[in-house]
Amino acid sequence: MKLKLSEEQKACFFINLAHETKTPLTLIRNYLQKYMQDHEHNDDLLIIRQNIEFLLENMTAFLDVEKT
């Protein structure tokens, strides 16, 4: 019984962590996209965008796994 409760608490913690990470990453991505539309693109901004997308994909995949 304690083990099951512990596992549920751990899963809940990681789900909350993923949600709390995904939200600011989404905001950063949106502001970055707007900035890139209004200004000249450069390699640094493209690398930042790629890494934000990578993190968001990982957070989404983690949340999808936790749903099952």
PDB file of N, CA and C in Angstrom:
ATOM      1  N   MET A   1       0.824  -1.193   0.000  1.00  0.00           N
ATOM      2  CA  MET A   1       0.000   0.000   0.000  1.00  0.00           C
ATOM      3  C   MET A   1       0.872   1.262   0.000  1.00  0.00           C
ATOM      4  N   LYS A   2       1.894   1.313   0.848  1.00  0.00           N
ATOM      5  CA  LYS A   2       2.784   2.480   0.897  1.00  0.00           C
ATOM      6  C   LYS A   2       3.569   2.625  -0.401  1.00  0.00           C
ATOM      7  N   LEU A   3       3.958   1.499  -0.993  1.00  0.00           N
ATOM      8  CA  LEU A   3       4.711   1.533  -2.240  1.00  0.00           C
ATOM      9  C   LEU A   3       3.859   2.123  -3.361  1.00  0.00           C
ATOM     10  N   LYS A   4       2.590   1.710  -3.423  1.00  0.00           N
ATOM     11  CA  LYS A   4       1.694   2.229  -4.454  1.00  0.00           C
ATOM     12  C   LYS A   4       1.480   3.734  -4.267  1.00  0.00           C
ATOM     13  N   LEU A   5       1.302   4.169  -3.044  1.00  0.00           N
ATOM     14  CA  LEU A   5       1.121   5.593  -2.758  1.00  0.00           C
ATOM     15  C   LEU A   5       2.376   6.371  -3.150  1.00  0.00           C
ATOM     16  N   SER A   6       3.523   5.826  -2.835  1.00  0.00           N
ATOM     17  CA  SER A   6       4.784   6.464  -3.177  1.00  0.00           C
ATOM     18  C   SER A   6       4.941   6.592  -4.696  1.00  0.00           C
ATOM     19  N   GLU A   7       4.582   5.535  -5.425  1.00  0.00           N
ATOM     20  CA  GLU A   7       4.655   5.566  -6.885  1.00  0.00           C
ATOM     21  C   GLU A   7       3.700   6.594  -7.462  1.00  0.00           C
ATOM     22  N   GLU A   8       2.508   6.699  -6.913  1.00  0.00           N
ATOM     23  CA  GLU A   8       1.532   7.681  -7.377  1.00  0.00           C
ATOM     24  C   GLU A   8       2.016   9.103  -7.108  1.00  0.00           C
ATOM     25  N   GLN A   9       2.611   9.316  -5.942  1.00  0.00           N
ATOM     26  CA  GLN A   9       3.131  10.641  -5.618  1.00  0.00           C
ATOM     27  C   GLN A   9       4.282  11.015  -6.547  1.00  0.00           C
ATOM     28  N   LYS A  10       5.143  10.045  -6.831  1.00  0.00           N
ATOM     29  CA  LYS A  10       6.269  10.309  -7.729  1.00  0.00           C
ATOM     30  C   LYS A  10       5.760  10.625  -9.132  1.00  0.00           C
ATOM     31  N   ALA A  11       4.797   9.869  -9.625  1.00  0.00           N
ATOM     32  CA  ALA A  11       4.226  10.125 -10.952  1.00  0.00           C
ATOM     33  C   ALA A  11       3.570  11.502 -10.994  1.00  0.00           C
ATOM     34  N   CYS A  12       2.840  11.837  -9.958  1.00  0.00           N
ATOM     35  CA  CYS A  12       2.184  13.145  -9.881  1.00  0.00           C
ATOM     36  C   CYS A  12       3.223  14.267  -9.881  1.00  0.00           C
ATOM     37  N   PHE A  13       4.300  14.084  -9.145  1.00  0.00           N
ATOM     38  CA  PHE A  13       5.369  15.078  -9.105  1.00  0.00           C
ATOM     39  C   PHE A  13       5.948  15.312 -10.498  1.00  0.00           C
ATOM     40  N   PHE A  14       6.248  14.230 -11.220  1.00  0.00           N
ATOM     41  CA  PHE A  14       6.852  14.371 -12.539  1.00  0.00           C
ATOM     42  C   PHE A  14       5.871  14.947 -13.564  1.00  0.00           C
ATOM     43  N   ILE A  15       4.605  14.608 -13.447  1.00  0.00           N
ATOM     44  CA  ILE A  15       3.592  15.198 -14.334  1.00  0.00           C
ATOM     45  C   ILE A  15       3.506  16.699 -14.084  1.00  0.00           C
ATOM     46  N   ASN A  16       3.466  17.100 -12.827  1.00  0.00           N
ATOM     47  CA  ASN A  16       3.422  18.531 -12.500  1.00  0.00           C
ATOM     48  C   ASN A  16       4.688  19.239 -12.981  1.00  0.00           C
ATOM     49  N   LEU A  17       5.834  18.606 -12.801  1.00  0.00           N
ATOM     50  CA  LEU A  17       7.091  19.178 -13.262  1.00  0.00           C
ATOM     51  C   LEU A  17       7.083  19.371 -14.784  1.00  0.00           C
ATOM     52  N   ALA A  18       6.584  18.387 -15.495  1.00  0.00           N
ATOM     53  CA  ALA A  18       6.516  18.484 -16.955  1.00  0.00           C
ATOM     54  C   ALA A  18       5.590  19.621 -17.374  1.00  0.00           C
ATOM     55  N   HIS A  19       4.427  19.726 -16.724  1.00  0.00           N
ATOM     56  CA  HIS A  19       3.494  20.816 -17.041  1.00  0.00           C
ATOM     57  C   HIS A  19       4.127  22.173 -16.728  1.00  0.00           C
ATOM     58  N   GLU A  20       4.762  22.285 -15.579  1.00  0.00           N
ATOM     59  CA  GLU A  20       5.372  23.549 -15.164  1.00  0.00           C
ATOM     60  C   GLU A  20       6.570  23.924 -16.043  1.00  0.00           C
ATOM     61  N   THR A  21       7.188  22.946 -16.669  1.00  0.00           N
ATOM     62  CA  THR A  21       8.294  23.208 -17.589  1.00  0.00           C
ATOM     63  C   THR A  21       7.767  23.548 -18.978  1.00  0.00           C
ATOM     64  N   LYS A  22       6.728  22.848 -19.394  1.00  0.00           N
ATOM     65  CA  LYS A  22       6.184  23.034 -20.736  1.00  0.00           C
ATOM     66  C   LYS A  22       5.576  24.427 -20.917  1.00  0.00           C
ATOM     67  N   THR A  23       4.912  24.938 -19.904  1.00  0.00           N
ATOM     68  CA  THR A  23       4.247  26.236 -20.024  1.00  0.00           C
ATOM     69  C   THR A  23       5.234  27.371 -20.312  1.00  0.00           C
ATOM     70  N   PRO A  24       6.297  27.556 -19.520  1.00  0.00           N
ATOM     71  CA  PRO A  24       7.227  28.640 -19.851  1.00  0.00           C
ATOM     72  C   PRO A  24       7.978  28.398 -21.162  1.00  0.00           C
ATOM     73  N   LEU A  25       8.253  27.146 -21.491  1.00  0.00           N
ATOM     74  CA  LEU A  25       8.909  26.872 -22.770  1.00  0.00           C
ATOM     75  C   LEU A  25       8.025  27.287 -23.938  1.00  0.00           C
ATOM     76  N   THR A  26       6.729  27.054 -23.811  1.00  0.00           N
ATOM     77  CA  THR A  26       5.793  27.462 -24.853  1.00  0.00           C
ATOM     78  C   THR A  26       5.774  28.978 -24.988  1.00  0.00           C
ATOM     79  N   LEU A  27       5.768  29.677 -23.871  1.00  0.00           N
ATOM     80  CA  LEU A  27       5.797  31.142 -23.912  1.00  0.00           C
ATOM     81  C   LEU A  27       7.092  31.647 -24.534  1.00  0.00           C
ATOM     82  N   ILE A  28       8.207  31.060 -24.152  1.00  0.00           N
ATOM     83  CA  ILE A  28       9.498  31.459 -24.722  1.00  0.00           C
ATOM     84  C   ILE A  28       9.494  31.211 -26.223  1.00  0.00           C
ATOM     85  N   ARG A  29       9.004  30.059 -26.643  1.00  0.00           N
ATOM     86  CA  ARG A  29       8.956  29.740 -28.072  1.00  0.00           C
ATOM     87  C   ARG A  29       8.104  30.759 -28.828  1.00  0.00           C
ATOM     88  N   ASN A  30       6.952  31.105 -28.270  1.00  0.00           N
ATOM     89  CA  ASN A  30       6.063  32.051 -28.942  1.00  0.00           C
ATOM     90  C   ASN A  30       6.706  33.429 -29.079  1.00  0.00           C
ATOM     91  N   TYR A  31       7.336  33.908 -28.020  1.00  0.00           N
ATOM     92  CA  TYR A  31       8.005  35.205 -28.090  1.00  0.00           C
ATOM     93  C   TYR A  31       9.204  35.163 -29.035  1.00  0.00           C
ATOM     94  N   LEU A  32       9.909  34.045 -29.043  1.00  0.00           N
ATOM     95  CA  LEU A  32      11.043  33.899 -29.954  1.00  0.00           C
ATOM     96  C   LEU A  32      10.571  33.918 -31.406  1.00  0.00           C
ATOM     97  N   GLN A  33       9.480  33.223 -31.695  1.00  0.00           N
ATOM     98  CA  GLN A  33       8.937  33.219 -33.052  1.00  0.00           C
ATOM     99  C   GLN A  33       8.546  34.629 -33.484  1.00  0.00           C
ATOM    100  N   LYS A  34       7.903  35.353 -32.586  1.00  0.00           N
ATOM    101  CA  LYS A  34       7.521  36.730 -32.899  1.00  0.00           C
ATOM    102  C   LYS A  34       8.767  37.581 -33.149  1.00  0.00           C
ATOM    103  N   TYR A  35       9.766  37.431 -32.306  1.00  0.00           N
ATOM    104  CA  TYR A  35      11.008  38.183 -32.472  1.00  0.00           C
ATOM    105  C   TYR A  35      11.652  37.850 -33.823  1.00  0.00           C
ATOM    106  N   MET A  36      11.684  36.571 -34.161  1.00  0.00           N
ATOM    107  CA  MET A  36      12.312  36.151 -35.404  1.00  0.00           C
ATOM    108  C   MET A  36      11.545  36.654 -36.625  1.00  0.00           C
ATOM    109  N   GLN A  37      10.242  36.811 -36.499  1.00  0.00           N
ATOM    110  CA  GLN A  37       9.460  37.362 -37.608  1.00  0.00           C
ATOM    111  C   GLN A  37       9.769  38.833 -37.818  1.00  0.00           C
ATOM    112  N   ASP A  38      10.021  39.544 -36.742  1.00  0.00           N
ATOM    113  CA  ASP A  38      10.241  40.992 -36.802  1.00  0.00           C
ATOM    114  C   ASP A  38      11.697  41.379 -37.046  1.00  0.00           C
ATOM    115  N   HIS A  39      12.629  40.447 -36.870  1.00  0.00           N
ATOM    116  CA  HIS A  39      14.051  40.752 -36.985  1.00  0.00           C
ATOM    117  C   HIS A  39      14.740  39.746 -37.903  1.00  0.00           C
ATOM    118  N   GLU A  40      15.950  40.073 -38.221  1.00  0.00           N
ATOM    119  CA  GLU A  40      16.732  39.194 -39.080  1.00  0.00           C
ATOM    120  C   GLU A  40      17.088  37.895 -38.346  1.00  0.00           C
ATOM    121  N   HIS A  41      17.006  36.784 -39.063  1.00  0.00           N
ATOM    122  CA  HIS A  41      17.365  35.486 -38.477  1.00  0.00           C
ATOM    123  C   HIS A  41      18.884  35.359 -38.402  1.00  0.00           C
ATOM    124  N   ASN A  42      19.331  34.627 -37.395  1.00  0.00           N
ATOM    125  CA  ASN A  42      20.750  34.268 -37.338  1.00  0.00           C
ATOM    126  C   ASN A  42      20.874  32.857 -36.773  1.00  0.00           C
ATOM    127  N   ASP A  43      22.047  32.289 -36.896  1.00  0.00           N
ATOM    128  CA  ASP A  43      22.254  30.900 -36.491  1.00  0.00           C
ATOM    129  C   ASP A  43      21.980  30.675 -35.001  1.00  0.00           C
ATOM    130  N   ASP A  44      22.322  31.640 -34.173  1.00  0.00           N
ATOM    131  CA  ASP A  44      22.106  31.490 -32.730  1.00  0.00           C
ATOM    132  C   ASP A  44      20.624  31.348 -32.413  1.00  0.00           C
ATOM    133  N   LEU A  45      19.796  32.168 -33.038  1.00  0.00           N
ATOM    134  CA  LEU A  45      18.345  32.094 -32.792  1.00  0.00           C
ATOM    135  C   LEU A  45      17.769  30.775 -33.297  1.00  0.00           C
ATOM    136  N   LEU A  46      18.282  30.293 -34.407  1.00  0.00           N
ATOM    137  CA  LEU A  46      17.815  29.008 -34.928  1.00  0.00           C
ATOM    138  C   LEU A  46      18.174  27.867 -33.981  1.00  0.00           C
ATOM    139  N   ILE A  47      19.356  27.918 -33.404  1.00  0.00           N
ATOM    140  CA  ILE A  47      19.767  26.893 -32.437  1.00  0.00           C
ATOM    141  C   ILE A  47      18.886  26.950 -31.194  1.00  0.00           C
ATOM    142  N   ILE A  48      18.603  28.146 -30.733  1.00  0.00           N
ATOM    143  CA  ILE A  48      17.724  28.304 -29.571  1.00  0.00           C
ATOM    144  C   ILE A  48      16.353  27.725 -29.881  1.00  0.00           C
ATOM    145  N   ARG A  49      15.808  28.054 -31.047  1.00  0.00           N
ATOM    146  CA  ARG A  49      14.487  27.552 -31.423  1.00  0.00           C
ATOM    147  C   ARG A  49      14.489  26.028 -31.507  1.00  0.00           C
ATOM    148  N   GLN A  50      15.510  25.443 -32.105  1.00  0.00           N
ATOM    149  CA  GLN A  50      15.594  23.985 -32.220  1.00  0.00           C
ATOM    150  C   GLN A  50      15.619  23.321 -30.845  1.00  0.00           C
ATOM    151  N   ASN A  51      16.358  23.894 -29.915  1.00  0.00           N
ATOM    152  CA  ASN A  51      16.452  23.310 -28.582  1.00  0.00           C
ATOM    153  C   ASN A  51      15.169  23.469 -27.790  1.00  0.00           C
ATOM    154  N   ILE A  52      14.480  24.581 -27.971  1.00  0.00           N
ATOM    155  CA  ILE A  52      13.180  24.748 -27.316  1.00  0.00           C
ATOM    156  C   ILE A  52      12.204  23.712 -27.856  1.00  0.00           C
ATOM    157  N   GLU A  53      12.188  23.530 -29.166  1.00  0.00           N
ATOM    158  CA  GLU A  53      11.302  22.529 -29.774  1.00  0.00           C
ATOM    159  C   GLU A  53      11.639  21.125 -29.267  1.00  0.00           C
ATOM    160  N   PHE A  54      12.927  20.835 -29.138  1.00  0.00           N
ATOM    161  CA  PHE A  54      13.359  19.538 -28.630  1.00  0.00           C
ATOM    162  C   PHE A  54      12.839  19.308 -27.208  1.00  0.00           C
ATOM    163  N   LEU A  55      12.989  20.309 -26.343  1.00  0.00           N
ATOM    164  CA  LEU A  55      12.502  20.187 -24.972  1.00  0.00           C
ATOM    165  C   LEU A  55      10.990  20.043 -24.921  1.00  0.00           C
ATOM    166  N   LEU A  56      10.283  20.816 -25.729  1.00  0.00           N
ATOM    167  CA  LEU A  56       8.822  20.717 -25.752  1.00  0.00           C
ATOM    168  C   LEU A  56       8.362  19.344 -26.231  1.00  0.00           C
ATOM    169  N   GLU A  57       9.025  18.810 -27.232  1.00  0.00           N
ATOM    170  CA  GLU A  57       8.680  17.467 -27.711  1.00  0.00           C
ATOM    171  C   GLU A  57       8.900  16.427 -26.611  1.00  0.00           C
ATOM    172  N   ASN A  58      10.000  16.556 -25.877  1.00  0.00           N
ATOM    173  CA  ASN A  58      10.270  15.623 -24.782  1.00  0.00           C
ATOM    174  C   ASN A  58       9.235  15.736 -23.673  1.00  0.00           C
ATOM    175  N   MET A  59       8.842  16.948 -23.333  1.00  0.00           N
ATOM    176  CA  MET A  59       7.821  17.143 -22.295  1.00  0.00           C
ATOM    177  C   MET A  59       6.488  16.552 -22.736  1.00  0.00           C
ATOM    178  N   THR A  60       6.136  16.765 -23.991  1.00  0.00           N
ATOM    179  CA  THR A  60       4.878  16.217 -24.518  1.00  0.00           C
ATOM    180  C   THR A  60       4.919  14.696 -24.524  1.00  0.00           C
ATOM    181  N   ALA A  61       6.037  14.124 -24.952  1.00  0.00           N
ATOM    182  CA  ALA A  61       6.178  12.668 -24.956  1.00  0.00           C
ATOM    183  C   ALA A  61       6.097  12.111 -23.542  1.00  0.00           C
ATOM    184  N   PHE A  62       6.715  12.787 -22.585  1.00  0.00           N
ATOM    185  CA  PHE A  62       6.664  12.336 -21.201  1.00  0.00           C
ATOM    186  C   PHE A  62       5.228  12.353 -20.687  1.00  0.00           C
ATOM    187  N   LEU A  63       4.507  13.421 -20.981  1.00  0.00           N
ATOM    188  CA  LEU A  63       3.111  13.507 -20.532  1.00  0.00           C
ATOM    189  C   LEU A  63       2.254  12.449 -21.197  1.00  0.00           C
ATOM    190  N   ASP A  64       2.516  12.157 -22.468  1.00  0.00           N
ATOM    191  CA  ASP A  64       1.763  11.117 -23.168  1.00  0.00           C
ATOM    192  C   ASP A  64       2.010   9.746 -22.555  1.00  0.00           C
ATOM    193  N   VAL A  65       3.252   9.474 -22.182  1.00  0.00           N
ATOM    194  CA  VAL A  65       3.581   8.185 -21.544  1.00  0.00           C
ATOM    195  C   VAL A  65       2.888   8.072 -20.191  1.00  0.00           C
ATOM    196  N   GLU A  66       2.858   9.152 -19.444  1.00  0.00           N
ATOM    197  CA  GLU A  66       2.243   9.128 -18.120  1.00  0.00           C
ATOM    198  C   GLU A  66       0.724   8.941 -18.185  1.00  0.00           C
ATOM    199  N   LYS A  67       0.106   9.304 -19.310  1.00  0.00           N
ATOM    200  CA  LYS A  67      -1.349   9.140 -19.468  1.00  0.00           C
ATOM    201  C   LYS A  67      -1.733   7.679 -19.590  1.00  0.00           C
ATOM    202  N   THR A  68      -0.809   6.859 -20.117  1.00  0.00           N
ATOM    203  CA  THR A  68      -1.128   5.452 -20.343  1.00  0.00           C
ATOM    204  C   THR A  68      -0.914   4.618 -19.126  1.00  0.00           C
TER     205      THR A  68
END
